Amino acid sequence: PEPEPEPEPEPEPEPEPEPNKSLCEKFFDLFVQN
């Protein structure tokens, strides 16, 4: 008999979406650091 495939892990619940401004600022900080 074929082995049963491993069950897919349940996806983690997405955190509450942050404001776009905050997200952009995070990316901006990453660019500034590099």
Protein backbone atom coordinates (compact mmCIF):
# COMPACT_ATOMS: atom_id res chain seq x y z
CA PRO A 1 0.00 0.00 0.00
CA GLU A 2 1.20 3.49 -0.78
CA PRO A 3 2.24 5.57 2.22
CA GLU A 4 -0.26 8.24 3.18
CA PRO A 5 0.91 11.76 2.27
CA GLU A 6 1.79 13.97 5.18
CA PRO A 7 -1.10 16.23 6.15
CA GLU A 8 -0.53 19.82 5.16
CA PRO A 9 0.07 22.07 8.17
CA GLU A 10 -2.75 24.49 8.82
CA PRO A 11 -1.82 28.00 7.69
CA GLU A 12 -1.15 30.37 10.54
CA PRO A 13 -3.83 33.01 11.04
CA GLU A 14 -2.83 36.21 9.33
CA PRO A 15 -2.05 39.03 11.74
CA GLU A 16 -4.23 42.10 11.61
CA PRO A 17 -3.25 44.15 8.54
CA GLU A 18 -1.11 47.11 9.45
CA PRO A 19 -1.75 50.52 7.92
CA ASN A 20 -0.17 50.95 4.51
CA LYS A 21 1.86 53.88 5.79
CA SER A 22 3.47 51.72 8.48
CA LEU A 23 4.25 48.99 5.94
CA CYS A 24 5.85 51.47 3.57
CA GLU A 25 7.87 52.93 6.40
CA LYS A 26 9.20 49.48 7.24
CA PHE A 27 10.33 48.95 3.65
CA PHE A 28 11.84 52.43 3.60
CA ASP A 29 13.79 51.64 6.77
CA LEU A 30 15.10 48.46 5.15
CA PHE A 31 16.30 50.41 2.12
CA VAL A 32 17.92 53.05 4.30
CA GLN A 33 19.77 50.44 6.35
CA ASN A 34 21.29 48.79 3.27
